[in-house]
Structures are given as structure tokens and as C-alpha cells.
Amino acid sequence: MRMLTEYRADLPRVERFNPVARITHWGHTVTFLLCLFTGLPLFLNMGPSWPATAFGLIHRISAVILTLFIIYFILFNFKGIINWVKDILRFGKNDILFIMKFPFEFLGFPVKVDPQTRFNGGEKGNSMVTPTMVILLILSGFIMWFPSVFPAGLVRLAYPTHGIAMVLSTVMVCMHGYLGSFHPGSGESFWGMWKGTVRTDWAKHHHAIWYEETYGDKEDKQEA
């Protein structure tokens, strides 16, 4: 199985993600994984007390940095967030058709991609679930960290909330990582988040509506 498509700088490319979005994405990825791997032993109550203490410290530091990345994203890419939400709300027939075909694409079968906006139906689902789970993780995590500040009932609720949000967000992150980096035919999306650009032909095929709305007029003027 092909792991990651080669980055082709010699082919026409278009910008897909700005630097703020990319910094936030990779900062979130690293800190989320640190939180996950240090939180699992605590969640499962594994090992002697000293690793738990070390893991707990790393877990909390990573959680604070993750929160700061989200604040950074909101402060410096607010317009981008508005456009992101608008695109999610454009969920329509093409997105439903994409999701219906998604199991076949996930298994590696060639499928015809219905015209998509900036984010396809699956990405829109991920955009709704993952941020929601991360927000729940942050809120429940800080409540668990400072239990004396909050009502006892809220503290008790925070524990199962944190666990459920961890499981759901981990599933989404694993699927997102596979589809964005290792899935045959989708690897170009990795370069979009790593270098900021994707091949023009890939953009036209995977996100035809977004490409036409964003770059169609420019392309027509160049041809003219």
C-alpha cells in the first residue's frame, strides 16, 4: 500500500491552509497525543505512583498548551473559523452522497467523488465531532484539576464526560490521520496541511466546488 504521495512542486498548486491553521493543527496534534498517551495510564490506573505523577504533570502541561493553541487559532484566524463554520453548514446532497460512498473509498475502492466544497461530507462530520470533544475534554479536565472550585455534582459529571470525549476524539483522530496521510489517493491532503498547498488537479477532483469558487475566476482570467 502506498503510504504518502510525493510532494510535486513542479505541478500547479493552490493554497489550501494558511500558516495559522497549519501551526494550530500540528500543535493540537502533538499536544493531543501527549495528553492521550499520558492520560491512558491514569485512566486505566496502571503502574506505580511515580509514573502516574510524571504522566500527570506532562498531561496537565500538554493540556494547557493545547488550550493556548486553540486560543491562538481563535485570535489570529477568526475569519477563517467563520468561513469554516459556514462551510460545515453547507451540508447538502453532495455531502450525503459522499458519506454513502465513503466506506468504499475507505477500503481503497475507486469511487467517483461528487463535487465537494472546501471540506467534504466526512471532513464536515469530523469538524463537528472532534472540536466538540476537545472542548469537552478541556472543560472537564480543568474541572477535574480544580475540583474545589466547582460544585461536587459537576465534578462527578466531569469524570465520565472526560472519558467518553477521550474515546470519541481518539477514534476521530485515528481516522483523520489515516485518511489524511496514509490512505491511497488522499495523501495530497497531508501536504495541504504540511506545506499549505495542494495540486490543482487534486483540488479540482476532490473539492470541485471550493476550487471553482476560490480559483475559478483567476483561472479564467489567466486563460483569457
Protein backbone atom coordinates (compact mmCIF):
# COMPACT_ATOMS: atom_id res chain seq x y z
CA MET A 1 0.00 0.00 0.00
CA ARG A 2 1.32 3.43 -0.94
CA MET A 3 1.95 5.35 2.28
CA LEU A 4 2.27 9.00 1.25
CA THR A 5 2.17 10.65 -2.14
CA GLU A 6 5.28 12.53 -3.21
CA TYR A 7 5.22 16.31 -2.93
CA ARG A 8 5.34 17.64 -6.50
CA ALA A 9 6.46 21.26 -6.53
CA ASP A 10 6.76 21.13 -10.33
CA LEU A 11 3.00 20.76 -10.75
CA PRO A 12 0.46 23.61 -10.47
CA ARG A 13 -0.60 24.08 -6.85
CA VAL A 14 -3.11 26.19 -4.92
CA GLU A 15 -3.19 27.28 -1.30
CA ARG A 16 -5.50 25.27 0.96
CA PHE A 17 -4.49 26.17 4.54
CA ASN A 18 -2.82 29.32 5.85
CA PRO A 19 0.12 29.26 8.33
CA VAL A 20 -2.07 29.91 11.40
CA ALA A 21 -4.30 26.93 10.57
CA ARG A 22 -1.27 24.70 9.99
CA ILE A 23 0.51 25.75 13.19
CA THR A 24 -2.68 25.17 15.18
CA HIS A 25 -3.29 21.79 13.53
CA TRP A 26 0.17 20.40 14.27
CA GLY A 27 0.32 21.99 17.72
CA HIS A 28 -3.02 20.41 18.50
CA THR A 29 -1.83 17.06 17.10
CA VAL A 30 1.29 16.91 19.25
CA THR A 31 -0.36 18.09 22.46
CA PHE A 32 -3.40 15.85 21.94
CA LEU A 33 -1.18 12.79 21.51
CA LEU A 34 0.82 13.75 24.60
CA CYS A 35 -2.42 14.09 26.55
CA LEU A 36 -3.64 10.77 25.19
CA PHE A 37 -0.53 8.71 25.95
CA THR A 38 -0.01 10.24 29.39
CA GLY A 39 -3.71 10.11 30.21
CA LEU A 40 -4.31 6.47 29.32
CA PRO A 41 -2.22 5.07 32.24
CA LEU A 42 -4.07 7.43 34.58
CA PHE A 43 -7.42 6.47 33.04
CA LEU A 44 -6.65 2.75 33.40
CA ASN A 45 -4.93 3.20 36.79
CA MET A 46 -1.82 1.36 35.62
CA GLY A 47 1.63 1.20 37.21
CA PRO A 48 3.18 2.51 40.44
CA SER A 49 2.63 6.01 41.77
CA TRP A 50 5.77 7.69 40.40
CA PRO A 51 4.91 7.21 36.69
CA ALA A 52 1.41 8.44 37.45
CA THR A 53 2.88 11.60 38.98
CA ALA A 54 5.17 12.19 35.96
CA PHE A 55 2.42 11.40 33.48
CA GLY A 56 0.03 13.66 35.34
CA LEU A 57 2.46 16.58 35.13
CA ILE A 58 3.06 16.10 31.40
CA HIS A 59 -0.66 15.61 30.87
CA ARG A 60 -1.55 18.92 32.51
CA ILE A 61 1.23 20.88 30.81
CA SER A 62 0.17 19.46 27.42
CA ALA A 63 -3.47 20.30 28.17
CA VAL A 64 -2.57 23.92 28.92
CA ILE A 65 -0.53 24.22 25.70
CA LEU A 66 -3.36 22.61 23.70
CA THR A 67 -5.74 25.21 25.15
CA LEU A 68 -3.33 28.00 24.22
CA PHE A 69 -3.16 26.74 20.63
CA ILE A 70 -6.95 26.93 20.41
CA ILE A 71 -6.91 30.49 21.79
CA TYR A 72 -4.18 31.37 19.28
CA PHE A 73 -6.32 29.96 16.46
CA ILE A 74 -9.35 31.98 17.56
CA LEU A 75 -7.40 35.23 17.93
CA PHE A 76 -5.44 35.07 14.69
CA ASN A 77 -7.76 33.18 12.36
CA PHE A 78 -11.23 34.28 13.41
CA LYS A 79 -12.30 34.96 9.82
CA GLY A 80 -11.10 31.51 8.88
CA ILE A 81 -13.21 30.00 11.68
CA ILE A 82 -16.29 31.83 10.40
CA ASN A 83 -15.67 30.51 6.89
CA TRP A 84 -15.08 27.03 8.34
CA VAL A 85 -18.43 27.10 10.15
CA LYS A 86 -20.18 28.44 7.04
CA ASP A 87 -18.77 25.57 5.01
CA ILE A 88 -19.91 23.00 7.60
CA LEU A 89 -23.42 24.48 7.44
CA ARG A 90 -23.45 23.96 3.68
CA PHE A 91 -24.07 20.28 4.31
CA GLY A 92 -26.20 19.07 1.42
CA LYS A 93 -26.93 16.35 -1.12
CA ASN A 94 -23.34 16.10 -2.35
CA ASP A 95 -22.11 15.57 1.20
CA ILE A 96 -24.69 12.84 1.82
CA LEU A 97 -23.68 11.09 -1.40
CA PHE A 98 -20.03 11.35 -0.37
CA ILE A 99 -20.73 9.75 3.01
CA MET A 100 -22.70 6.94 1.33
CA LYS A 101 -19.70 6.18 -0.89
CA PHE A 102 -17.16 6.76 1.88
CA PRO A 103 -16.99 3.11 3.12
CA PHE A 104 -15.90 2.03 -0.36
CA GLU A 105 -13.28 4.79 -0.57
CA PHE A 106 -12.08 3.95 2.95
CA LEU A 107 -11.44 0.37 1.84
CA GLY A 108 -9.47 1.58 -1.18
CA PHE A 109 -12.04 1.08 -3.95
CA PRO A 110 -12.04 3.76 -6.67
CA VAL A 111 -15.17 5.91 -6.45
CA LYS A 112 -16.40 8.98 -8.29
CA VAL A 113 -16.27 11.92 -5.90
CA ASP A 114 -19.35 14.12 -6.06
CA PRO A 115 -18.46 17.85 -6.23
CA GLN A 116 -17.48 19.00 -2.74
CA THR A 117 -16.98 22.36 -1.06
CA ARG A 118 -13.79 23.16 0.87
CA PHE A 119 -14.49 20.22 3.19
CA ASN A 120 -16.18 17.03 2.08
CA GLY A 121 -19.02 15.35 3.96
CA GLY A 122 -16.66 13.26 6.08
CA GLU A 123 -14.46 16.23 6.95
CA LYS A 124 -17.53 18.22 7.92
CA GLY A 125 -18.55 15.41 10.27
CA ASN A 126 -15.06 15.39 11.74
CA SER A 127 -15.20 19.18 12.06
CA MET A 128 -18.33 18.88 14.16
CA VAL A 129 -17.34 15.93 16.36
CA THR A 130 -13.64 16.48 17.08
CA PRO A 131 -13.74 20.16 18.19
CA THR A 132 -16.80 19.39 20.34
CA MET A 133 -14.99 16.50 22.04
CA VAL A 134 -11.82 18.58 22.53
CA ILE A 135 -13.82 21.39 24.15
CA LEU A 136 -15.46 18.84 26.45
CA LEU A 137 -12.03 17.40 27.28
CA ILE A 138 -10.69 20.84 28.16
CA LEU A 139 -13.67 21.88 30.26
CA SER A 140 -13.99 18.56 32.10
CA GLY A 141 -10.22 18.36 32.52
CA PHE A 142 -9.94 21.73 34.23
CA ILE A 143 -12.92 20.88 36.44
CA MET A 144 -11.18 17.65 37.48
CA TRP A 145 -7.92 19.57 38.01
CA PHE A 146 -9.53 22.11 40.35
CA PRO A 147 -12.41 20.17 41.99
CA SER A 148 -12.66 22.50 44.98
CA VAL A 149 -13.65 25.40 42.72
CA PHE A 150 -16.69 23.68 41.21
CA PRO A 151 -19.87 22.08 42.61
CA ALA A 152 -19.48 18.42 43.60
CA GLY A 153 -22.12 17.30 41.11
CA LEU A 154 -20.29 19.00 38.25
CA VAL A 155 -17.02 17.36 39.31
CA ARG A 156 -18.66 13.91 39.33
CA LEU A 157 -20.08 14.57 35.87
CA ALA A 158 -16.68 15.68 34.58
CA TYR A 159 -15.08 12.23 35.01
CA PRO A 160 -17.35 10.21 32.67
CA THR A 161 -17.53 13.18 30.30
CA HIS A 162 -13.73 13.25 30.07
CA GLY A 163 -13.56 9.51 29.43
CA ILE A 164 -16.27 9.44 26.75
CA ALA A 165 -14.85 12.52 24.99
CA MET A 166 -11.39 10.93 25.06
CA VAL A 167 -12.62 7.74 23.38
CA LEU A 168 -14.65 9.53 20.69
CA SER A 169 -11.95 12.09 19.90
CA THR A 170 -9.29 9.36 19.71
CA VAL A 171 -11.37 7.41 17.20
CA MET A 172 -11.85 10.53 15.08
CA VAL A 173 -8.17 11.49 15.26
CA CYS A 174 -7.09 7.99 14.20
CA MET A 175 -9.46 8.01 11.23
CA HIS A 176 -8.45 11.55 10.30
CA GLY A 177 -4.75 10.69 10.50
CA TYR A 178 -5.15 7.62 8.30
CA LEU A 179 -7.31 9.32 5.68
CA GLY A 180 -5.18 12.47 5.62
CA SER A 181 -1.79 10.78 5.40
CA PHE A 182 -1.79 7.09 4.51
CA HIS A 183 -4.99 6.34 2.61
CA PRO A 184 -4.26 5.71 -1.11
CA GLY A 185 -5.23 8.74 -3.17
CA SER A 186 -5.73 11.08 -0.21
CA GLY A 187 -2.12 11.73 0.74
CA GLU A 188 -2.12 15.08 -1.06
CA SER A 189 -4.25 16.44 1.78
CA PHE A 190 -1.25 15.88 4.05
CA TRP A 191 0.81 18.31 2.01
CA GLY A 192 -2.03 20.78 2.18
CA MET A 193 -1.68 20.82 5.95
CA TRP A 194 2.11 20.50 5.98
CA LYS A 195 3.15 22.94 3.25
CA GLY A 196 -0.14 24.76 2.75
CA THR A 197 -0.77 23.88 -0.89
CA VAL A 198 -2.29 21.02 -2.86
CA ARG A 199 -2.05 20.05 -6.51
CA THR A 200 -4.53 21.89 -8.69
CA ASP A 201 -5.78 18.68 -10.31
CA TRP A 202 -6.31 17.12 -6.86
CA ALA A 203 -8.27 20.18 -5.70
CA LYS A 204 -10.47 20.05 -8.81
CA HIS A 205 -11.18 16.35 -8.28
CA HIS A 206 -11.70 16.26 -4.50
CA HIS A 207 -13.14 19.74 -3.86
CA ALA A 208 -14.52 20.94 -7.19
CA ILE A 209 -16.99 23.44 -5.74
CA TRP A 210 -14.37 25.01 -3.46
CA TYR A 211 -11.83 25.21 -6.27
CA GLU A 212 -14.27 26.84 -8.67
CA GLU A 213 -15.44 29.36 -6.07
CA THR A 214 -11.91 30.22 -4.91
CA TYR A 215 -9.74 29.92 -8.00
CA GLY A 216 -12.11 29.57 -10.96
CA ASP A 217 -12.25 33.27 -11.83
CA LYS A 218 -8.47 33.62 -11.58
CA GLU A 219 -8.00 30.63 -13.86
CA ASP A 220 -10.43 32.06 -16.40
CA LYS A 221 -8.59 35.41 -16.39
CA GLN A 222 -5.24 33.70 -16.91
CA GLU A 223 -6.60 31.72 -19.84
CA ALA A 224 -8.10 34.89 -21.30
